[in-house]
Amino acid sequence: MSIVDAKISELKTKCLNIFVNVGLNIEDAHIIADNLLDAEMRGVPSHGLMRLKHYVQRIEKGLINLNPNVKVIKRNWCTIIN
């Protein structure tokens, strides 16, 4: 495994560009990029940038719904409502 020295802001910009280019809206692209980079910075690469290619492939194959209709159907201690 090699070590790469990169600025987080540059990595986020690249992630955003990739996600937007495959059809994500910018808000969702920010959420996903932030989570991937957060996992990477916490030392959990299995949930970090290595997932980017996998997500893009699944989006391109139509396996990820880019416009889900998400609804909270039950509120409990683990449900966050804005």
PDB file of N, CA and C in Angstrom:
ATOM      1  N   MET A   1       0.846  -1.170   0.000  1.00  0.00           N
ATOM      2  CA  MET A   1       0.000   0.000   0.000  1.00  0.00           C
ATOM      3  C   MET A   1       0.890   1.231   0.000  1.00  0.00           C
ATOM      4  N   SER A   2       0.554   2.200  -0.821  1.00  0.00           N
ATOM      5  CA  SER A   2       1.338   3.423  -0.875  1.00  0.00           C
ATOM      6  C   SER A   2       0.617   4.543  -0.135  1.00  0.00           C
ATOM      7  N   ILE A   3       1.380   5.526   0.303  1.00  0.00           N
ATOM      8  CA  ILE A   3       0.831   6.674   1.003  1.00  0.00           C
ATOM      9  C   ILE A   3       0.748   7.837   0.026  1.00  0.00           C
ATOM     10  N   VAL A   4      -0.384   8.501   0.018  1.00  0.00           N
ATOM     11  CA  VAL A   4      -0.604   9.640  -0.862  1.00  0.00           C
ATOM     12  C   VAL A   4      -0.781  10.880   0.001  1.00  0.00           C
ATOM     13  N   ASP A   5      -0.071  11.939  -0.348  1.00  0.00           N
ATOM     14  CA  ASP A   5      -0.205  13.203   0.370  1.00  0.00           C
ATOM     15  C   ASP A   5      -1.103  14.113  -0.459  1.00  0.00           C
ATOM     16  N   ALA A   6      -2.277  14.434   0.080  1.00  0.00           N
ATOM     17  CA  ALA A   6      -3.223  15.278  -0.648  1.00  0.00           C
ATOM     18  C   ALA A   6      -3.987  16.147   0.336  1.00  0.00           C
ATOM     19  N   LYS A   7      -4.415  17.302  -0.123  1.00  0.00           N
ATOM     20  CA  LYS A   7      -5.236  18.183   0.707  1.00  0.00           C
ATOM     21  C   LYS A   7      -6.679  17.697   0.682  1.00  0.00           C
ATOM     22  N   ILE A   8      -7.317  17.739   1.844  1.00  0.00           N
ATOM     23  CA  ILE A   8      -8.705  17.309   1.943  1.00  0.00           C
ATOM     24  C   ILE A   8      -9.587  18.118   0.999  1.00  0.00           C
ATOM     25  N   SER A   9      -9.346  19.417   0.909  1.00  0.00           N
ATOM     26  CA  SER A   9     -10.168  20.262   0.037  1.00  0.00           C
ATOM     27  C   SER A   9     -10.051  19.839  -1.426  1.00  0.00           C
ATOM     28  N   GLU A  10      -8.861  19.424  -1.841  1.00  0.00           N
ATOM     29  CA  GLU A  10      -8.672  18.950  -3.225  1.00  0.00           C
ATOM     30  C   GLU A  10      -9.382  17.628  -3.444  1.00  0.00           C
ATOM     31  N   LEU A  11      -9.283  16.743  -2.466  1.00  0.00           N
ATOM     32  CA  LEU A  11      -9.964  15.453  -2.578  1.00  0.00           C
ATOM     33  C   LEU A  11     -11.483  15.644  -2.624  1.00  0.00           C
ATOM     34  N   LYS A  12     -11.988  16.570  -1.803  1.00  0.00           N
ATOM     35  CA  LYS A  12     -13.433  16.805  -1.803  1.00  0.00           C
ATOM     36  C   LYS A  12     -13.882  17.346  -3.154  1.00  0.00           C
ATOM     37  N   THR A  13     -13.129  18.275  -3.713  1.00  0.00           N
ATOM     38  CA  THR A  13     -13.477  18.832  -5.022  1.00  0.00           C
ATOM     39  C   THR A  13     -13.512  17.743  -6.081  1.00  0.00           C
ATOM     40  N   LYS A  14     -12.539  16.849  -6.057  1.00  0.00           N
ATOM     41  CA  LYS A  14     -12.507  15.747  -7.030  1.00  0.00           C
ATOM     42  C   LYS A  14     -13.699  14.821  -6.832  1.00  0.00           C
ATOM     43  N   CYS A  15     -14.004  14.489  -5.583  1.00  0.00           N
ATOM     44  CA  CYS A  15     -15.166  13.635  -5.300  1.00  0.00           C
ATOM     45  C   CYS A  15     -16.452  14.293  -5.786  1.00  0.00           C
ATOM     46  N   LEU A  16     -16.616  15.573  -5.485  1.00  0.00           N
ATOM     47  CA  LEU A  16     -17.822  16.289  -5.915  1.00  0.00           C
ATOM     48  C   LEU A  16     -17.964  16.259  -7.427  1.00  0.00           C
ATOM     49  N   ASN A  17     -16.874  16.535  -8.132  1.00  0.00           N
ATOM     50  CA  ASN A  17     -16.916  16.522  -9.598  1.00  0.00           C
ATOM     51  C   ASN A  17     -17.313  15.152 -10.130  1.00  0.00           C
ATOM     52  N   ILE A  18     -16.755  14.113  -9.557  1.00  0.00           N
ATOM     53  CA  ILE A  18     -17.062  12.749  -9.994  1.00  0.00           C
ATOM     54  C   ILE A  18     -18.538  12.445  -9.770  1.00  0.00           C
ATOM     55  N   PHE A  19     -19.033  12.727  -8.569  1.00  0.00           N
ATOM     56  CA  PHE A  19     -20.428  12.414  -8.258  1.00  0.00           C
ATOM     57  C   PHE A  19     -21.405  13.226  -9.097  1.00  0.00           C
ATOM     58  N   VAL A  20     -21.137  14.496  -9.276  1.00  0.00           N
ATOM     59  CA  VAL A  20     -22.019  15.337 -10.087  1.00  0.00           C
ATOM     60  C   VAL A  20     -22.006  14.862 -11.542  1.00  0.00           C
ATOM     61  N   ASN A  21     -20.840  14.445 -12.038  1.00  0.00           N
ATOM     62  CA  ASN A  21     -20.731  13.974 -13.420  1.00  0.00           C
ATOM     63  C   ASN A  21     -21.502  12.682 -13.676  1.00  0.00           C
ATOM     64  N   VAL A  22     -21.763  11.897 -12.628  1.00  0.00           N
ATOM     65  CA  VAL A  22     -22.564  10.676 -12.825  1.00  0.00           C
ATOM     66  C   VAL A  22     -24.030  10.885 -12.457  1.00  0.00           C
ATOM     67  N   GLY A  23     -24.409  12.139 -12.125  1.00  0.00           N
ATOM     68  CA  GLY A  23     -25.822  12.433 -11.967  1.00  0.00           C
ATOM     69  C   GLY A  23     -26.317  12.818 -10.591  1.00  0.00           C
ATOM     70  N   LEU A  24     -25.462  12.808  -9.568  1.00  0.00           N
ATOM     71  CA  LEU A  24     -25.924  13.220  -8.245  1.00  0.00           C
ATOM     72  C   LEU A  24     -26.136  14.719  -8.211  1.00  0.00           C
ATOM     73  N   ASN A  25     -27.116  15.158  -7.418  1.00  0.00           N
ATOM     74  CA  ASN A  25     -27.256  16.599  -7.211  1.00  0.00           C
ATOM     75  C   ASN A  25     -26.152  17.031  -6.253  1.00  0.00           C
ATOM     76  N   ILE A  26     -25.846  18.299  -6.242  1.00  0.00           N
ATOM     77  CA  ILE A  26     -24.700  18.794  -5.493  1.00  0.00           C
ATOM     78  C   ILE A  26     -24.838  18.579  -3.990  1.00  0.00           C
ATOM     79  N   GLU A  27     -26.063  18.680  -3.450  1.00  0.00           N
ATOM     80  CA  GLU A  27     -26.252  18.472  -2.010  1.00  0.00           C
ATOM     81  C   GLU A  27     -25.923  17.038  -1.609  1.00  0.00           C
ATOM     82  N   ASP A  28     -26.419  16.074  -2.376  1.00  0.00           N
ATOM     83  CA  ASP A  28     -26.127  14.674  -2.081  1.00  0.00           C
ATOM     84  C   ASP A  28     -24.649  14.369  -2.300  1.00  0.00           C
ATOM     85  N   ALA A  29     -24.062  14.973  -3.320  1.00  0.00           N
ATOM     86  CA  ALA A  29     -22.633  14.775  -3.580  1.00  0.00           C
ATOM     87  C   ALA A  29     -21.804  15.256  -2.391  1.00  0.00           C
ATOM     88  N   HIS A  30     -22.186  16.382  -1.799  1.00  0.00           N
ATOM     89  CA  HIS A  30     -21.477  16.898  -0.614  1.00  0.00           C
ATOM     90  C   HIS A  30     -21.596  15.925   0.557  1.00  0.00           C
ATOM     91  N   ILE A  31     -22.782  15.407   0.779  1.00  0.00           N
ATOM     92  CA  ILE A  31     -22.998  14.481   1.898  1.00  0.00           C
ATOM     93  C   ILE A  31     -22.124  13.240   1.740  1.00  0.00           C
ATOM     94  N   ILE A  32     -22.144  12.658   0.552  1.00  0.00           N
ATOM     95  CA  ILE A  32     -21.377  11.434   0.330  1.00  0.00           C
ATOM     96  C   ILE A  32     -19.882  11.709   0.400  1.00  0.00           C
ATOM     97  N   ALA A  33     -19.429  12.768  -0.250  1.00  0.00           N
ATOM     98  CA  ALA A  33     -18.002  13.110  -0.225  1.00  0.00           C
ATOM     99  C   ALA A  33     -17.534  13.361   1.206  1.00  0.00           C
ATOM    100  N   ASP A  34     -18.313  14.107   1.983  1.00  0.00           N
ATOM    101  CA  ASP A  34     -17.946  14.378   3.375  1.00  0.00           C
ATOM    102  C   ASP A  34     -17.829  13.095   4.183  1.00  0.00           C
ATOM    103  N   ASN A  35     -18.768  12.173   3.978  1.00  0.00           N
ATOM    104  CA  ASN A  35     -18.726  10.911   4.722  1.00  0.00           C
ATOM    105  C   ASN A  35     -17.555  10.035   4.317  1.00  0.00           C
ATOM    106  N   LEU A  36     -17.265   9.968   3.030  1.00  0.00           N
ATOM    107  CA  LEU A  36     -16.111   9.183   2.576  1.00  0.00           C
ATOM    108  C   LEU A  36     -14.817   9.754   3.135  1.00  0.00           C
ATOM    109  N   LEU A  37     -14.670  11.065   3.078  1.00  0.00           N
ATOM    110  CA  LEU A  37     -13.451  11.701   3.578  1.00  0.00           C
ATOM    111  C   LEU A  37     -13.349  11.611   5.094  1.00  0.00           C
ATOM    112  N   ASP A  38     -14.475  11.710   5.782  1.00  0.00           N
ATOM    113  CA  ASP A  38     -14.471  11.570   7.237  1.00  0.00           C
ATOM    114  C   ASP A  38     -13.994  10.174   7.640  1.00  0.00           C
ATOM    115  N   ALA A  39     -14.500   9.165   6.967  1.00  0.00           N
ATOM    116  CA  ALA A  39     -14.067   7.792   7.259  1.00  0.00           C
ATOM    117  C   ALA A  39     -12.573   7.637   6.997  1.00  0.00           C
ATOM    118  N   GLU A  40     -12.116   8.210   5.911  1.00  0.00           N
ATOM    119  CA  GLU A  40     -10.695   8.132   5.565  1.00  0.00           C
ATOM    120  C   GLU A  40      -9.840   8.794   6.650  1.00  0.00           C
ATOM    121  N   MET A  41     -10.261   9.965   7.105  1.00  0.00           N
ATOM    122  CA  MET A  41      -9.491  10.696   8.121  1.00  0.00           C
ATOM    123  C   MET A  41      -9.554  10.028   9.492  1.00  0.00           C
ATOM    124  N   ARG A  42     -10.607   9.257   9.753  1.00  0.00           N
ATOM    125  CA  ARG A  42     -10.712   8.527  11.014  1.00  0.00           C
ATOM    126  C   ARG A  42      -9.936   7.219  10.980  1.00  0.00           C
ATOM    127  N   GLY A  43      -9.347   6.908   9.835  1.00  0.00           N
ATOM    128  CA  GLY A  43      -8.568   5.680   9.723  1.00  0.00           C
ATOM    129  C   GLY A  43      -9.408   4.459   9.414  1.00  0.00           C
ATOM    130  N   VAL A  44     -10.543   4.664   8.736  1.00  0.00           N
ATOM    131  CA  VAL A  44     -11.417   3.554   8.361  1.00  0.00           C
ATOM    132  C   VAL A  44     -11.523   3.544   6.829  1.00  0.00           C
ATOM    133  N   PRO A  45     -10.439   3.188   6.141  1.00  0.00           N
ATOM    134  CA  PRO A  45     -10.450   3.252   4.679  1.00  0.00           C
ATOM    135  C   PRO A  45     -11.459   2.329   4.017  1.00  0.00           C
ATOM    136  N   SER A  46     -11.897   1.287   4.708  1.00  0.00           N
ATOM    137  CA  SER A  46     -12.904   0.391   4.130  1.00  0.00           C
ATOM    138  C   SER A  46     -14.235   1.103   3.894  1.00  0.00           C
ATOM    139  N   HIS A  47     -14.433   2.240   4.562  1.00  0.00           N
ATOM    140  CA  HIS A  47     -15.645   3.035   4.382  1.00  0.00           C
ATOM    141  C   HIS A  47     -15.301   4.419   3.839  1.00  0.00           C
ATOM    142  N   GLY A  48     -14.089   4.548   3.315  1.00  0.00           N
ATOM    143  CA  GLY A  48     -13.609   5.827   2.815  1.00  0.00           C
ATOM    144  C   GLY A  48     -13.553   5.879   1.301  1.00  0.00           C
ATOM    145  N   LEU A  49     -12.497   6.488   0.788  1.00  0.00           N
ATOM    146  CA  LEU A  49     -12.380   6.748  -0.640  1.00  0.00           C
ATOM    147  C   LEU A  49     -12.363   5.500  -1.510  1.00  0.00           C
ATOM    148  N   MET A  50     -12.002   4.371  -0.936  1.00  0.00           N
ATOM    149  CA  MET A  50     -12.012   3.144  -1.744  1.00  0.00           C
ATOM    150  C   MET A  50     -13.432   2.779  -2.204  1.00  0.00           C
ATOM    151  N   ARG A  51     -14.453   3.336  -1.553  1.00  0.00           N
ATOM    152  CA  ARG A  51     -15.847   3.081  -1.931  1.00  0.00           C
ATOM    153  C   ARG A  51     -16.279   3.908  -3.140  1.00  0.00           C
ATOM    154  N   LEU A  52     -15.544   4.971  -3.464  1.00  0.00           N
ATOM    155  CA  LEU A  52     -15.931   5.891  -4.529  1.00  0.00           C
ATOM    156  C   LEU A  52     -16.165   5.169  -5.854  1.00  0.00           C
ATOM    157  N   LYS A  53     -15.214   4.366  -6.275  1.00  0.00           N
ATOM    158  CA  LYS A  53     -15.351   3.647  -7.550  1.00  0.00           C
ATOM    159  C   LYS A  53     -16.571   2.726  -7.523  1.00  0.00           C
ATOM    160  N   HIS A  54     -16.770   2.053  -6.421  1.00  0.00           N
ATOM    161  CA  HIS A  54     -17.902   1.140  -6.270  1.00  0.00           C
ATOM    162  C   HIS A  54     -19.227   1.904  -6.399  1.00  0.00           C
ATOM    163  N   TYR A  55     -19.332   3.043  -5.715  1.00  0.00           N
ATOM    164  CA  TYR A  55     -20.554   3.844  -5.802  1.00  0.00           C
ATOM    165  C   TYR A  55     -20.805   4.315  -7.230  1.00  0.00           C
ATOM    166  N   VAL A  56     -19.760   4.802  -7.896  1.00  0.00           N
ATOM    167  CA  VAL A  56     -19.900   5.293  -9.271  1.00  0.00           C
ATOM    168  C   VAL A  56     -20.366   4.157 -10.187  1.00  0.00           C
ATOM    169  N   GLN A  57     -19.779   2.986 -10.053  1.00  0.00           N
ATOM    170  CA  GLN A  57     -20.169   1.843 -10.883  1.00  0.00           C
ATOM    171  C   GLN A  57     -21.636   1.484 -10.653  1.00  0.00           C
ATOM    172  N   ARG A  58     -22.060   1.499  -9.403  1.00  0.00           N
ATOM    173  CA  ARG A  58     -23.456   1.163  -9.089  1.00  0.00           C
ATOM    174  C   ARG A  58     -24.413   2.223  -9.620  1.00  0.00           C
ATOM    175  N   ILE A  59     -24.017   3.488  -9.569  1.00  0.00           N
ATOM    176  CA  ILE A  59     -24.842   4.561 -10.122  1.00  0.00           C
ATOM    177  C   ILE A  59     -24.966   4.374 -11.632  1.00  0.00           C
ATOM    178  N   GLU A  60     -23.849   4.128 -12.294  1.00  0.00           N
ATOM    179  CA  GLU A  60     -23.846   3.972 -13.752  1.00  0.00           C
ATOM    180  C   GLU A  60     -24.674   2.768 -14.197  1.00  0.00           C
ATOM    181  N   LYS A  61     -24.746   1.732 -13.381  1.00  0.00           N
ATOM    182  CA  LYS A  61     -25.542   0.546 -13.716  1.00  0.00           C
ATOM    183  C   LYS A  61     -27.012   0.705 -13.324  1.00  0.00           C
ATOM    184  N   GLY A  62     -27.340   1.836 -12.712  1.00  0.00           N
ATOM    185  CA  GLY A  62     -28.718   2.069 -12.293  1.00  0.00           C
ATOM    186  C   GLY A  62     -29.104   1.339 -11.024  1.00  0.00           C
ATOM    187  N   LEU A  63     -28.122   0.902 -10.255  1.00  0.00           N
ATOM    188  CA  LEU A  63     -28.390   0.147  -9.036  1.00  0.00           C
ATOM    189  C   LEU A  63     -28.595   1.041  -7.814  1.00  0.00           C
ATOM    190  N   ILE A  64     -28.265   2.311  -7.945  1.00  0.00           N
ATOM    191  CA  ILE A  64     -28.490   3.282  -6.875  1.00  0.00           C
ATOM    192  C   ILE A  64     -29.504   4.300  -7.370  1.00  0.00           C
ATOM    193  N   ASN A  65     -30.565   4.458  -6.622  1.00  0.00           N
ATOM    194  CA  ASN A  65     -31.613   5.412  -6.959  1.00  0.00           C
ATOM    195  C   ASN A  65     -31.148   6.809  -6.556  1.00  0.00           C
ATOM    196  N   LEU A  66     -30.954   7.687  -7.520  1.00  0.00           N
ATOM    197  CA  LEU A  66     -30.479   9.037  -7.245  1.00  0.00           C
ATOM    198  C   LEU A  66     -31.590   9.971  -6.779  1.00  0.00           C
ATOM    199  N   ASN A  67     -32.828   9.528  -6.861  1.00  0.00           N
ATOM    200  CA  ASN A  67     -33.970  10.350  -6.438  1.00  0.00           C
ATOM    201  C   ASN A  67     -34.921   9.544  -5.566  1.00  0.00           C
ATOM    202  N   PRO A  68     -34.445   9.049  -4.431  1.00  0.00           N
ATOM    203  CA  PRO A  68     -35.326   8.234  -3.590  1.00  0.00           C
ATOM    204  C   PRO A  68     -36.398   9.080  -2.927  1.00  0.00           C
ATOM    205  N   ASN A  69     -37.504   8.448  -2.606  1.00  0.00           N
ATOM    206  CA  ASN A  69     -38.593   9.100  -1.891  1.00  0.00           C
ATOM    207  C   ASN A  69     -38.545   8.574  -0.456  1.00  0.00           C
ATOM    208  N   VAL A  70     -37.668   9.155   0.356  1.00  0.00           N
ATOM    209  CA  VAL A  70     -37.435   8.680   1.717  1.00  0.00           C
ATOM    210  C   VAL A  70     -38.438   9.325   2.663  1.00  0.00           C
ATOM    211  N   LYS A  71     -39.071   8.492   3.487  1.00  0.00           N
ATOM    212  CA  LYS A  71     -40.037   8.975   4.471  1.00  0.00           C
ATOM    213  C   LYS A  71     -39.740   8.327   5.814  1.00  0.00           C
ATOM    214  N   VAL A  72     -39.910   9.087   6.874  1.00  0.00           N
ATOM    215  CA  VAL A  72     -39.820   8.528   8.223  1.00  0.00           C
ATOM    216  C   VAL A  72     -41.197   7.980   8.546  1.00  0.00           C
ATOM    217  N   ILE A  73     -41.273   6.674   8.797  1.00  0.00           N
ATOM    218  CA  ILE A  73     -42.574   6.075   9.097  1.00  0.00           C
ATOM    219  C   ILE A  73     -42.736   5.756  10.581  1.00  0.00           C
ATOM    220  N   LYS A  74     -41.649   5.837  11.312  1.00  0.00           N
ATOM    221  CA  LYS A  74     -41.716   5.608  12.751  1.00  0.00           C
ATOM    222  C   LYS A  74     -40.603   6.403  13.413  1.00  0.00           C
ATOM    223  N   ARG A  75     -40.944   7.128  14.432  1.00  0.00           N
ATOM    224  CA  ARG A  75     -39.938   7.906  15.167  1.00  0.00           C
ATOM    225  C   ARG A  75     -39.566   7.137  16.436  1.00  0.00           C
ATOM    226  N   ASN A  76     -38.258   7.063  16.688  1.00  0.00           N
ATOM    227  CA  ASN A  76     -37.801   6.490  17.944  1.00  0.00           C
ATOM    228  C   ASN A  76     -36.468   7.141  18.302  1.00  0.00           C
ATOM    229  N   TRP A  77     -35.779   6.589  19.266  1.00  0.00           N
ATOM    230  CA  TRP A  77     -34.566   7.217  19.803  1.00  0.00           C
ATOM    231  C   TRP A  77     -33.449   7.366  18.766  1.00  0.00           C
ATOM    232  N   CYS A  78     -33.467   6.595  17.695  1.00  0.00           N
ATOM    233  CA  CYS A  78     -32.384   6.680  16.716  1.00  0.00           C
ATOM    234  C   CYS A  78     -32.792   7.433  15.448  1.00  0.00           C
ATOM    235  N   THR A  79     -33.984   7.988  15.399  1.00  0.00           N
ATOM    236  CA  THR A  79     -34.452   8.734  14.246  1.00  0.00           C
ATOM    237  C   THR A  79     -34.205  10.219  14.476  1.00  0.00           C
ATOM    238  N   ILE A  80     -33.492  10.834  13.545  1.00  0.00           N
ATOM    239  CA  ILE A  80     -33.232  12.266  13.639  1.00  0.00           C
ATOM    240  C   ILE A  80     -34.173  12.978  12.681  1.00  0.00           C
ATOM    241  N   ILE A  81     -34.945  13.896  13.190  1.00  0.00           N
ATOM    242  CA  ILE A  81     -35.893  14.655  12.386  1.00  0.00           C
ATOM    243  C   ILE A  81     -35.424  16.109  12.375  1.00  0.00           C
ATOM    244  N   ASN A  82     -35.280  16.670  11.173  1.00  0.00           N
ATOM    245  CA  ASN A  82     -34.905  18.085  11.075  1.00  0.00           C
ATOM    246  C   ASN A  82     -36.138  18.943  11.005  1.00  0.00           C
TER     247      ASN A  82
END
